[in-house]
Amino acid sequence: ETVLSRGGTMDYFEMYQNFAGRKPDVKYMLEYLGLTSEDE
């Protein structure tokens, strides 16, 4: 309902926030890859 059905009808950050309730966070990607960043 929040992502897969929305197509190109809305702002992508808004779409993501409707799904997750917040902005996306890069830390989960860096943790998965075993990389770290002070700017995460």
PDB file of all heavy atoms in Angstrom:
ATOM      1  N   GLU A   1       0.806  -1.219   0.000  1.00  0.00           N
ATOM      2  CA  GLU A   1       0.000   0.000   0.000  1.00  0.00           C
ATOM      3  C   GLU A   1       0.838   1.268   0.000  1.00  0.00           C
ATOM      4  O   GLU A   1       0.452   2.269  -0.615  1.00  0.00           O
ATOM      5  CB  GLU A   1      -0.940  -0.007   1.209  1.00  0.00           C
ATOM      6  CG  GLU A   1      -2.038  -1.059   1.114  1.00  0.00           C
ATOM      7  CD  GLU A   1      -2.884  -1.143   2.374  1.00  0.00           C
ATOM      8  OE1 GLU A   1      -2.555  -0.428   3.361  1.00  0.00           O
ATOM      9  OE2 GLU A   1      -3.843  -1.922   2.391  1.00  0.00           O
ATOM     10  N   THR A   2       1.986   1.247   0.670  1.00  0.00           N
ATOM     11  CA  THR A   2       2.781   2.476   0.808  1.00  0.00           C
ATOM     12  C   THR A   2       3.863   2.635  -0.251  1.00  0.00           C
ATOM     13  O   THR A   2       4.280   3.758  -0.537  1.00  0.00           O
ATOM     14  CB  THR A   2       3.438   2.538   2.202  1.00  0.00           C
ATOM     15  OG1 THR A   2       4.224   1.347   2.406  1.00  0.00           O
ATOM     16  CG2 THR A   2       2.387   2.647   3.291  1.00  0.00           C
ATOM     17  N   VAL A   3       4.327   1.526  -0.855  1.00  0.00           N
ATOM     18  CA  VAL A   3       5.424   1.608  -1.825  1.00  0.00           C
ATOM     19  C   VAL A   3       5.057   0.968  -3.164  1.00  0.00           C
ATOM     20  O   VAL A   3       5.055   1.637  -4.201  1.00  0.00           O
ATOM     21  CB  VAL A   3       6.709   0.944  -1.265  1.00  0.00           C
ATOM     22  CG1 VAL A   3       7.812   0.961  -2.331  1.00  0.00           C
ATOM     23  CG2 VAL A   3       7.192   1.659  -0.011  1.00  0.00           C
ATOM     24  N   LEU A   4       4.756  -0.323  -3.157  1.00  0.00           N
ATOM     25  CA  LEU A   4       4.631  -1.069  -4.409  1.00  0.00           C
ATOM     26  C   LEU A   4       3.472  -0.603  -5.280  1.00  0.00           C
ATOM     27  O   LEU A   4       3.523  -0.773  -6.504  1.00  0.00           O
ATOM     28  CB  LEU A   4       4.495  -2.562  -4.119  1.00  0.00           C
ATOM     29  CG  LEU A   4       5.709  -3.237  -3.480  1.00  0.00           C
ATOM     30  CD1 LEU A   4       5.421  -4.705  -3.202  1.00  0.00           C
ATOM     31  CD2 LEU A   4       6.942  -3.103  -4.367  1.00  0.00           C
ATOM     32  N   SER A   5       2.452  -0.034  -4.704  1.00  0.00           N
ATOM     33  CA  SER A   5       1.277   0.374  -5.485  1.00  0.00           C
ATOM     34  C   SER A   5       1.317   1.833  -5.893  1.00  0.00           C
ATOM     35  O   SER A   5       0.412   2.305  -6.592  1.00  0.00           O
ATOM     36  CB  SER A   5      -0.001   0.115  -4.677  1.00  0.00           C
ATOM     37  OG  SER A   5      -0.027   0.926  -3.514  1.00  0.00           O
ATOM     38  N   ARG A   6       2.357   2.566  -5.511  1.00  0.00           N
ATOM     39  CA  ARG A   6       2.343   4.017  -5.692  1.00  0.00           C
ATOM     40  C   ARG A   6       2.906   4.497  -7.023  1.00  0.00           C
ATOM     41  O   ARG A   6       2.707   5.647  -7.406  1.00  0.00           O
ATOM     42  CB  ARG A   6       3.102   4.687  -4.539  1.00  0.00           C
ATOM     43  CG  ARG A   6       2.432   4.520  -3.190  1.00  0.00           C
ATOM     44  CD  ARG A   6       1.066   5.133  -3.191  1.00  0.00           C
ATOM     45  NE  ARG A   6       0.191   4.554  -2.186  1.00  0.00           N
ATOM     46  CZ  ARG A   6      -1.116   4.726  -2.148  1.00  0.00           C
ATOM     47  NH1 ARG A   6      -1.698   5.447  -3.086  1.00  0.00           N
ATOM     48  NH2 ARG A   6      -1.842   4.166  -1.217  1.00  0.00           N
ATOM     49  N   GLY A   7       3.625   3.635  -7.734  1.00  0.00           N
ATOM     50  CA  GLY A   7       4.178   4.054  -9.015  1.00  0.00           C
ATOM     51  C   GLY A   7       4.992   5.321  -8.884  1.00  0.00           C
ATOM     52  O   GLY A   7       5.717   5.521  -7.903  1.00  0.00           O
ATOM     53  N   GLY A   8       4.838   6.207  -9.877  1.00  0.00           N
ATOM     54  CA  GLY A   8       5.574   7.473  -9.859  1.00  0.00           C
ATOM     55  C   GLY A   8       4.692   8.640  -9.481  1.00  0.00           C
ATOM     56  O   GLY A   8       4.857   9.746 -10.009  1.00  0.00           O
ATOM     57  N   THR A   9       3.746   8.409  -8.552  1.00  0.00           N
ATOM     58  CA  THR A   9       2.733   9.427  -8.261  1.00  0.00           C
ATOM     59  C   THR A   9       3.080  10.380  -7.131  1.00  0.00           C
ATOM     60  O   THR A   9       2.304  11.285  -6.843  1.00  0.00           O
ATOM     61  CB  THR A   9       1.388   8.748  -7.919  1.00  0.00           C
ATOM     62  OG1 THR A   9       1.558   7.949  -6.728  1.00  0.00           O
ATOM     63  CG2 THR A   9       0.910   7.868  -9.062  1.00  0.00           C
ATOM     64  N   MET A  10       4.229  10.185  -6.462  1.00  0.00           N
ATOM     65  CA  MET A  10       4.526  11.044  -5.320  1.00  0.00           C
ATOM     66  C   MET A  10       6.024  11.164  -5.086  1.00  0.00           C
ATOM     67  O   MET A  10       6.817  10.424  -5.668  1.00  0.00           O
ATOM     68  CB  MET A  10       3.839  10.501  -4.054  1.00  0.00           C
ATOM     69  CG  MET A  10       4.284   9.121  -3.636  1.00  0.00           C
ATOM     70  SD  MET A  10       3.191   8.367  -2.382  1.00  0.00           S
ATOM     71  CE  MET A  10       3.278   9.558  -1.061  1.00  0.00           C
ATOM     72  N   ASP A  11       6.397  12.091  -4.252  1.00  0.00           N
ATOM     73  CA  ASP A  11       7.792  12.285  -3.870  1.00  0.00           C
ATOM     74  C   ASP A  11       8.326  11.013  -3.208  1.00  0.00           C
ATOM     75  O   ASP A  11       7.647  10.401  -2.374  1.00  0.00           O
ATOM     76  CB  ASP A  11       7.899  13.464  -2.907  1.00  0.00           C
ATOM     77  CG  ASP A  11       9.302  13.665  -2.386  1.00  0.00           C
ATOM     78  OD1 ASP A  11      10.100  14.296  -3.074  1.00  0.00           O
ATOM     79  OD2 ASP A  11       9.582  13.171  -1.268  1.00  0.00           O
ATOM     80  N   TYR A  12       9.554  10.627  -3.562  1.00  0.00           N
ATOM     81  CA  TYR A  12      10.075   9.337  -3.109  1.00  0.00           C
ATOM     82  C   TYR A  12      10.433   9.333  -1.624  1.00  0.00           C
ATOM     83  O   TYR A  12      10.245   8.324  -0.936  1.00  0.00           O
ATOM     84  CB  TYR A  12      11.282   8.933  -3.957  1.00  0.00           C
ATOM     85  CG  TYR A  12      10.905   8.834  -5.415  1.00  0.00           C
ATOM     86  CD1 TYR A  12      11.406   9.741  -6.346  1.00  0.00           C
ATOM     87  CD2 TYR A  12      10.011   7.864  -5.859  1.00  0.00           C
ATOM     88  CE1 TYR A  12      11.035   9.674  -7.683  1.00  0.00           C
ATOM     89  CE2 TYR A  12       9.634   7.789  -7.187  1.00  0.00           C
ATOM     90  CZ  TYR A  12      10.152   8.704  -8.096  1.00  0.00           C
ATOM     91  OH  TYR A  12       9.768   8.633  -9.408  1.00  0.00           O
ATOM     92  N   PHE A  13      10.939  10.437  -1.109  1.00  0.00           N
ATOM     93  CA  PHE A  13      11.208  10.504   0.326  1.00  0.00           C
ATOM     94  C   PHE A  13       9.897  10.446   1.111  1.00  0.00           C
ATOM     95  O   PHE A  13       9.803   9.794   2.157  1.00  0.00           O
ATOM     96  CB  PHE A  13      11.979  11.780   0.681  1.00  0.00           C
ATOM     97  CG  PHE A  13      13.458  11.666   0.470  1.00  0.00           C
ATOM     98  CD1 PHE A  13      14.085  12.343  -0.560  1.00  0.00           C
ATOM     99  CD2 PHE A  13      14.237  10.871   1.304  1.00  0.00           C
ATOM    100  CE1 PHE A  13      15.448  12.234  -0.759  1.00  0.00           C
ATOM    101  CE2 PHE A  13      15.602  10.758   1.118  1.00  0.00           C
ATOM    102  CZ  PHE A  13      16.212  11.438   0.080  1.00  0.00           C
ATOM    103  N   GLU A  14       8.864  11.102   0.596  1.00  0.00           N
ATOM    104  CA  GLU A  14       7.552  11.035   1.242  1.00  0.00           C
ATOM    105  C   GLU A  14       7.018   9.608   1.206  1.00  0.00           C
ATOM    106  O   GLU A  14       6.475   9.109   2.204  1.00  0.00           O
ATOM    107  CB  GLU A  14       6.575  11.980   0.543  1.00  0.00           C
ATOM    108  CG  GLU A  14       5.185  11.964   1.150  1.00  0.00           C
ATOM    109  CD  GLU A  14       4.190  12.793   0.362  1.00  0.00           C
ATOM    110  OE1 GLU A  14       4.591  13.449  -0.627  1.00  0.00           O
ATOM    111  OE2 GLU A  14       2.988  12.771   0.723  1.00  0.00           O
ATOM    112  N   MET A  15       7.177   8.954   0.078  1.00  0.00           N
ATOM    113  CA  MET A  15       6.723   7.576  -0.048  1.00  0.00           C
ATOM    114  C   MET A  15       7.431   6.688   0.969  1.00  0.00           C
ATOM    115  O   MET A  15       6.802   5.862   1.643  1.00  0.00           O
ATOM    116  CB  MET A  15       6.996   7.067  -1.472  1.00  0.00           C
ATOM    117  CG  MET A  15       6.333   5.747  -1.821  1.00  0.00           C
ATOM    118  SD  MET A  15       6.859   5.094  -3.445  1.00  0.00           S
ATOM    119  CE  MET A  15       6.387   6.441  -4.537  1.00  0.00           C
ATOM    120  N   TYR A  16       8.748   6.877   1.076  1.00  0.00           N
ATOM    121  CA  TYR A  16       9.499   6.036   2.009  1.00  0.00           C
ATOM    122  C   TYR A  16       9.090   6.316   3.454  1.00  0.00           C
ATOM    123  O   TYR A  16       8.959   5.387   4.267  1.00  0.00           O
ATOM    124  CB  TYR A  16      11.008   6.236   1.838  1.00  0.00           C
ATOM    125  CG  TYR A  16      11.777   5.161   2.580  1.00  0.00           C
ATOM    126  CD1 TYR A  16      12.041   3.941   1.970  1.00  0.00           C
ATOM    127  CD2 TYR A  16      12.171   5.341   3.905  1.00  0.00           C
ATOM    128  CE1 TYR A  16      12.692   2.923   2.662  1.00  0.00           C
ATOM    129  CE2 TYR A  16      12.815   4.334   4.599  1.00  0.00           C
ATOM    130  CZ  TYR A  16      13.077   3.132   3.973  1.00  0.00           C
ATOM    131  OH  TYR A  16      13.697   2.119   4.663  1.00  0.00           O
ATOM    132  N   GLN A  17       8.877   7.564   3.783  1.00  0.00           N
ATOM    133  CA  GLN A  17       8.478   7.901   5.145  1.00  0.00           C
ATOM    134  C   GLN A  17       7.097   7.351   5.479  1.00  0.00           C
ATOM    135  O   GLN A  17       6.831   6.958   6.615  1.00  0.00           O
ATOM    136  CB  GLN A  17       8.528   9.411   5.354  1.00  0.00           C
ATOM    137  CG  GLN A  17       9.948   9.956   5.463  1.00  0.00           C
ATOM    138  CD  GLN A  17       9.990  11.433   5.776  1.00  0.00           C
ATOM    139  OE1 GLN A  17       9.967  12.266   4.887  1.00  0.00           O
ATOM    140  NE2 GLN A  17      10.051  11.762   7.054  1.00  0.00           N
ATOM    141  N   ASN A  18       6.218   7.299   4.463  1.00  0.00           N
ATOM    142  CA  ASN A  18       4.904   6.691   4.687  1.00  0.00           C
ATOM    143  C   ASN A  18       5.049   5.205   5.021  1.00  0.00           C
ATOM    144  O   ASN A  18       4.263   4.655   5.807  1.00  0.00           O
ATOM    145  CB  ASN A  18       4.029   6.839   3.450  1.00  0.00           C
ATOM    146  CG  ASN A  18       3.558   8.259   3.238  1.00  0.00           C
ATOM    147  OD1 ASN A  18       3.648   9.099   4.135  1.00  0.00           O
ATOM    148  ND2 ASN A  18       3.059   8.541   2.042  1.00  0.00           N
ATOM    149  N   PHE A  19       6.047   4.574   4.426  1.00  0.00           N
ATOM    150  CA  PHE A  19       6.291   3.156   4.699  1.00  0.00           C
ATOM    151  C   PHE A  19       6.961   2.954   6.061  1.00  0.00           C
ATOM    152  O   PHE A  19       6.446   2.237   6.924  1.00  0.00           O
ATOM    153  CB  PHE A  19       7.162   2.552   3.599  1.00  0.00           C
ATOM    154  CG  PHE A  19       7.887   1.301   4.006  1.00  0.00           C
ATOM    155  CD1 PHE A  19       7.187   0.159   4.376  1.00  0.00           C
ATOM    156  CD2 PHE A  19       9.282   1.264   4.030  1.00  0.00           C
ATOM    157  CE1 PHE A  19       7.859  -0.996   4.772  1.00  0.00           C
ATOM    158  CE2 PHE A  19       9.963   0.118   4.410  1.00  0.00           C
ATOM    159  CZ  PHE A  19       9.245  -1.020   4.785  1.00  0.00           C
ATOM    160  N   ALA A  20       8.115   3.589   6.255  1.00  0.00           N
ATOM    161  CA  ALA A  20       8.948   3.291   7.424  1.00  0.00           C
ATOM    162  C   ALA A  20       8.687   4.197   8.620  1.00  0.00           C
ATOM    163  O   ALA A  20       9.144   3.907   9.725  1.00  0.00           O
ATOM    164  CB  ALA A  20      10.422   3.369   7.040  1.00  0.00           C
ATOM    165  N   GLY A  21       7.991   5.314   8.393  1.00  0.00           N
ATOM    166  CA  GLY A  21       7.750   6.244   9.490  1.00  0.00           C
ATOM    167  C   GLY A  21       8.906   7.175   9.764  1.00  0.00           C
ATOM    168  O   GLY A  21       8.894   7.903  10.764  1.00  0.00           O
ATOM    169  N   ARG A  22       9.903   7.185   8.897  1.00  0.00           N
ATOM    170  CA  ARG A  22      11.086   8.038   9.080  1.00  0.00           C
ATOM    171  C   ARG A  22      11.872   8.052   7.772  1.00  0.00           C
ATOM    172  O   ARG A  22      11.567   7.321   6.835  1.00  0.00           O
ATOM    173  CB  ARG A  22      11.980   7.490  10.198  1.00  0.00           C
ATOM    174  CG  ARG A  22      12.346   6.040   9.999  1.00  0.00           C
ATOM    175  CD  ARG A  22      13.344   5.526  11.017  1.00  0.00           C
ATOM    176  NE  ARG A  22      13.527   4.090  10.913  1.00  0.00           N
ATOM    177  CZ  ARG A  22      14.201   3.488   9.927  1.00  0.00           C
ATOM    178  NH1 ARG A  22      14.749   4.204   8.968  1.00  0.00           N
ATOM    179  NH2 ARG A  22      14.331   2.173   9.904  1.00  0.00           N
ATOM    180  N   LYS A  23      12.915   8.894   7.730  1.00  0.00           N
ATOM    181  CA  LYS A  23      13.801   8.917   6.566  1.00  0.00           C
ATOM    182  C   LYS A  23      14.695   7.678   6.567  1.00  0.00           C
ATOM    183  O   LYS A  23      14.981   7.109   7.626  1.00  0.00           O
ATOM    184  CB  LYS A  23      14.675  10.174   6.591  1.00  0.00           C
ATOM    185  CG  LYS A  23      13.917  11.464   6.369  1.00  0.00           C
ATOM    186  CD  LYS A  23      14.863  12.654   6.374  1.00  0.00           C
ATOM    187  CE  LYS A  23      14.112  13.946   6.106  1.00  0.00           C
ATOM    188  NZ  LYS A  23      15.033  15.124   6.104  1.00  0.00           N
ATOM    189  N   PRO A  24      15.164   7.257   5.396  1.00  0.00           N
ATOM    190  CA  PRO A  24      16.081   6.112   5.356  1.00  0.00           C
ATOM    191  C   PRO A  24      17.407   6.448   6.014  1.00  0.00           C
ATOM    192  O   PRO A  24      17.878   7.585   5.948  1.00  0.00           O
ATOM    193  CB  PRO A  24      16.263   5.853   3.857  1.00  0.00           C
ATOM    194  CG  PRO A  24      15.959   7.159   3.201  1.00  0.00           C
ATOM    195  CD  PRO A  24      14.896   7.793   4.046  1.00  0.00           C
ATOM    196  N   ASP A  25      18.013   5.453   6.647  1.00  0.00           N
ATOM    197  CA  ASP A  25      19.264   5.635   7.373  1.00  0.00           C
ATOM    198  C   ASP A  25      20.333   4.744   6.749  1.00  0.00           C
ATOM    199  O   ASP A  25      20.149   3.537   6.611  1.00  0.00           O
ATOM    200  CB  ASP A  25      19.071   5.263   8.843  1.00  0.00           C
ATOM    201  CG  ASP A  25      20.188   5.794   9.729  1.00  0.00           C
ATOM    202  OD1 ASP A  25      21.352   5.807   9.271  1.00  0.00           O
ATOM    203  OD2 ASP A  25      19.898   6.187  10.872  1.00  0.00           O
ATOM    204  N   VAL A  26      21.470   5.335   6.371  1.00  0.00           N
ATOM    205  CA  VAL A  26      22.537   4.594   5.696  1.00  0.00           C
ATOM    206  C   VAL A  26      23.251   3.618   6.627  1.00  0.00           C
ATOM    207  O   VAL A  26      23.957   2.710   6.171  1.00  0.00           O
ATOM    208  CB  VAL A  26      23.551   5.575   5.067  1.00  0.00           C
ATOM    209  CG1 VAL A  26      24.385   6.245   6.141  1.00  0.00           C
ATOM    210  CG2 VAL A  26      24.430   4.882   4.032  1.00  0.00           C
ATOM    211  N   LYS A  27      23.064   3.761   7.929  1.00  0.00           N
ATOM    212  CA  LYS A  27      23.851   2.952   8.866  1.00  0.00           C
ATOM    213  C   LYS A  27      23.604   1.457   8.705  1.00  0.00           C
ATOM    214  O   LYS A  27      24.513   0.648   8.905  1.00  0.00           O
ATOM    215  CB  LYS A  27      23.583   3.377  10.304  1.00  0.00           C
ATOM    216  CG  LYS A  27      22.229   2.973  10.869  1.00  0.00           C
ATOM    217  CD  LYS A  27      22.106   3.384  12.339  1.00  0.00           C
ATOM    218  CE  LYS A  27      20.782   2.923  12.934  1.00  0.00           C
ATOM    219  NZ  LYS A  27      20.656   3.309  14.359  1.00  0.00           N
ATOM    220  N   TYR A  28      22.390   1.068   8.347  1.00  0.00           N
ATOM    221  CA  TYR A  28      22.098  -0.360   8.219  1.00  0.00           C
ATOM    222  C   TYR A  28      22.852  -0.973   7.041  1.00  0.00           C
ATOM    223  O   TYR A  28      23.286  -2.115   7.102  1.00  0.00           O
ATOM    224  CB  TYR A  28      20.592  -0.572   8.068  1.00  0.00           C
ATOM    225  CG  TYR A  28      19.815  -0.087   9.264  1.00  0.00           C
ATOM    226  CD1 TYR A  28      19.053   1.079   9.198  1.00  0.00           C
ATOM    227  CD2 TYR A  28      19.853  -0.778  10.472  1.00  0.00           C
ATOM    228  CE1 TYR A  28      18.345   1.547  10.295  1.00  0.00           C
ATOM    229  CE2 TYR A  28      19.151  -0.319  11.585  1.00  0.00           C
ATOM    230  CZ  TYR A  28      18.405   0.845  11.488  1.00  0.00           C
ATOM    231  OH  TYR A  28      17.721   1.297  12.581  1.00  0.00           O
ATOM    232  N   MET A  29      23.007  -0.208   5.991  1.00  0.00           N
ATOM    233  CA  MET A  29      23.784  -0.668   4.845  1.00  0.00           C
ATOM    234  C   MET A  29      25.258  -0.793   5.205  1.00  0.00           C
ATOM    235  O   MET A  29      25.909  -1.799   4.896  1.00  0.00           O
ATOM    236  CB  MET A  29      23.608   0.313   3.688  1.00  0.00           C
ATOM    237  CG  MET A  29      24.511   0.067   2.492  1.00  0.00           C
ATOM    238  SD  MET A  29      24.288   1.377   1.261  1.00  0.00           S
ATOM    239  CE  MET A  29      25.586   0.963   0.100  1.00  0.00           C
ATOM    240  N   LEU A  30      25.801   0.213   5.869  1.00  0.00           N
ATOM    241  CA  LEU A  30      27.223   0.192   6.223  1.00  0.00           C
ATOM    242  C   LEU A  30      27.524  -0.939   7.206  1.00  0.00           C
ATOM    243  O   LEU A  30      28.565  -1.590   7.116  1.00  0.00           O
ATOM    244  CB  LEU A  30      27.630   1.538   6.814  1.00  0.00           C
ATOM    245  CG  LEU A  30      27.500   2.746   5.872  1.00  0.00           C
ATOM    246  CD1 LEU A  30      27.878   4.032   6.599  1.00  0.00           C
ATOM    247  CD2 LEU A  30      28.362   2.569   4.626  1.00  0.00           C
ATOM    248  N   GLU A  31      26.606  -1.171   8.130  1.00  0.00           N
ATOM    249  CA  GLU A  31      26.796  -2.269   9.077  1.00  0.00           C
ATOM    250  C   GLU A  31      26.793  -3.615   8.357  1.00  0.00           C
ATOM    251  O   GLU A  31      27.610  -4.497   8.639  1.00  0.00           O
ATOM    252  CB  GLU A  31      25.687  -2.241  10.135  1.00  0.00           C
ATOM    253  CG  GLU A  31      25.817  -1.101  11.132  1.00  0.00           C
ATOM    254  CD  GLU A  31      24.608  -0.997  12.044  1.00  0.00           C
ATOM    255  OE1 GLU A  31      23.666  -1.823  11.881  1.00  0.00           O
ATOM    256  OE2 GLU A  31      24.575  -0.101  12.908  1.00  0.00           O
ATOM    257  N   TYR A  32      25.890  -3.779   7.422  1.00  0.00           N
ATOM    258  CA  TYR A  32      25.801  -5.038   6.681  1.00  0.00           C
ATOM    259  C   TYR A  32      27.083  -5.298   5.894  1.00  0.00           C
ATOM    260  O   TYR A  32      27.567  -6.426   5.816  1.00  0.00           O
ATOM    261  CB  TYR A  32      24.606  -5.004   5.732  1.00  0.00           C
ATOM    262  CG  TYR A  32      24.539  -6.200   4.812  1.00  0.00           C
ATOM    263  CD1 TYR A  32      24.017  -7.411   5.253  1.00  0.00           C
ATOM    264  CD2 TYR A  32      25.019  -6.121   3.497  1.00  0.00           C
ATOM    265  CE1 TYR A  32      23.966  -8.512   4.420  1.00  0.00           C
ATOM    266  CE2 TYR A  32      24.982  -7.221   2.665  1.00  0.00           C
ATOM    267  CZ  TYR A  32      24.452  -8.414   3.128  1.00  0.00           C
ATOM    268  OH  TYR A  32      24.422  -9.504   2.302  1.00  0.00           O
ATOM    269  N   LEU A  33      27.631  -4.244   5.319  1.00  0.00           N
ATOM    270  CA  LEU A  33      28.825  -4.382   4.488  1.00  0.00           C
ATOM    271  C   LEU A  33      30.111  -4.437   5.309  1.00  0.00           C
ATOM    272  O   LEU A  33      31.189  -4.661   4.762  1.00  0.00           O
ATOM    273  CB  LEU A  33      28.914  -3.212   3.497  1.00  0.00           C
ATOM    274  CG  LEU A  33      27.790  -3.144   2.458  1.00  0.00           C
ATOM    275  CD1 LEU A  33      27.862  -1.826   1.701  1.00  0.00           C
ATOM    276  CD2 LEU A  33      27.881  -4.312   1.497  1.00  0.00           C
ATOM    277  N   GLY A  34      29.995  -4.230   6.605  1.00  0.00           N
ATOM    278  CA  GLY A  34      31.189  -4.225   7.432  1.00  0.00           C
ATOM    279  C   GLY A  34      31.991  -2.954   7.281  1.00  0.00           C
ATOM    280  O   GLY A  34      33.185  -2.913   7.584  1.00  0.00           O
ATOM    281  N   LEU A  35      31.340  -1.888   6.818  1.00  0.00           N
ATOM    282  CA  LEU A  35      31.995  -0.596   6.644  1.00  0.00           C
ATOM    283  C   LEU A  35      31.469   0.349   7.713  1.00  0.00           C
ATOM    284  O   LEU A  35      30.351   0.223   8.188  1.00  0.00           O
ATOM    285  CB  LEU A  35      31.697  -0.018   5.258  1.00  0.00           C
ATOM    286  CG  LEU A  35      32.058  -0.919   4.070  1.00  0.00           C
ATOM    287  CD1 LEU A  35      31.593  -0.265   2.776  1.00  0.00           C
ATOM    288  CD2 LEU A  35      33.563  -1.169   4.014  1.00  0.00           C
ATOM    289  N   THR A  36      32.263   1.326   8.056  1.00  0.00           N
ATOM    290  CA  THR A  36      31.835   2.312   9.045  1.00  0.00           C
ATOM    291  C   THR A  36      32.089   3.694   8.493  1.00  0.00           C
ATOM    292  O   THR A  36      32.957   3.907   7.654  1.00  0.00           O
ATOM    293  CB  THR A  36      32.603   2.169  10.373  1.00  0.00           C
ATOM    294  OG1 THR A  36      34.009   2.289  10.116  1.00  0.00           O
ATOM    295  CG2 THR A  36      32.297   0.831  11.015  1.00  0.00           C
ATOM    296  N   SER A  37      31.324   4.634   8.966  1.00  0.00           N
ATOM    297  CA  SER A  37      31.487   6.015   8.524  1.00  0.00           C
ATOM    298  C   SER A  37      31.094   6.954   9.643  1.00  0.00           C
ATOM    299  O   SER A  37      30.071   6.772  10.297  1.00  0.00           O
ATOM    300  CB  SER A  37      30.612   6.300   7.299  1.00  0.00           C
ATOM    301  OG  SER A  37      30.594   7.681   7.009  1.00  0.00           O
ATOM    302  N   GLU A  38      31.899   7.980   9.873  1.00  0.00           N
ATOM    303  CA  GLU A  38      31.566   8.969  10.890  1.00  0.00           C
ATOM    304  C   GLU A  38      30.367   9.804  10.455  1.00  0.00           C
ATOM    305  O   GLU A  38      29.717  10.447  11.258  1.00  0.00           O
ATOM    306  CB  GLU A  38      32.768   9.883  11.145  1.00  0.00           C
ATOM    307  CG  GLU A  38      33.961   9.141  11.761  1.00  0.00           C
ATOM    308  CD  GLU A  38      35.145  10.064  11.971  1.00  0.00           C
ATOM    309  OE1 GLU A  38      35.028  11.252  11.617  1.00  0.00           O
ATOM    310  OE2 GLU A  38      36.179   9.614  12.482  1.00  0.00           O
ATOM    311  N   ASP A  39      30.077   9.776   9.124  1.00  0.00           N
ATOM    312  CA  ASP A  39      29.010  10.616   8.606  1.00  0.00           C
ATOM    313  C   ASP A  39      27.712   9.858   8.415  1.00  0.00           C
ATOM    314  O   ASP A  39      26.781  10.349   7.812  1.00  0.00           O
ATOM    315  CB  ASP A  39      29.418  11.216   7.242  1.00  0.00           C
ATOM    316  CG  ASP A  39      30.647  12.081   7.359  1.00  0.00           C
ATOM    317  OD1 ASP A  39      30.760  12.774   8.379  1.00  0.00           O
ATOM    318  OD2 ASP A  39      31.480  12.057   6.439  1.00  0.00           O
ATOM    319  N   GLU A  40      27.662   8.618   8.922  1.00  0.00           N
ATOM    320  CA  GLU A  40      26.453   7.839   8.692  1.00  0.00           C
ATOM    321  C   GLU A  40      25.270   8.510   9.369  1.00  0.00           C
ATOM    322  O   GLU A  40      25.379   9.204  10.360  1.00  0.00           O
ATOM    323  CB  GLU A  40      26.615   6.414   9.218  1.00  0.00           C
ATOM    324  CG  GLU A  40      26.773   6.317  10.722  1.00  0.00           C
ATOM    325  CD  GLU A  40      27.095   4.902  11.169  1.00  0.00           C
ATOM    326  OE1 GLU A  40      27.893   4.241  10.488  1.00  0.00           O
ATOM    327  OE2 GLU A  40      26.541   4.482  12.194  1.00  0.00           O
TER     328      GLU A  40
END
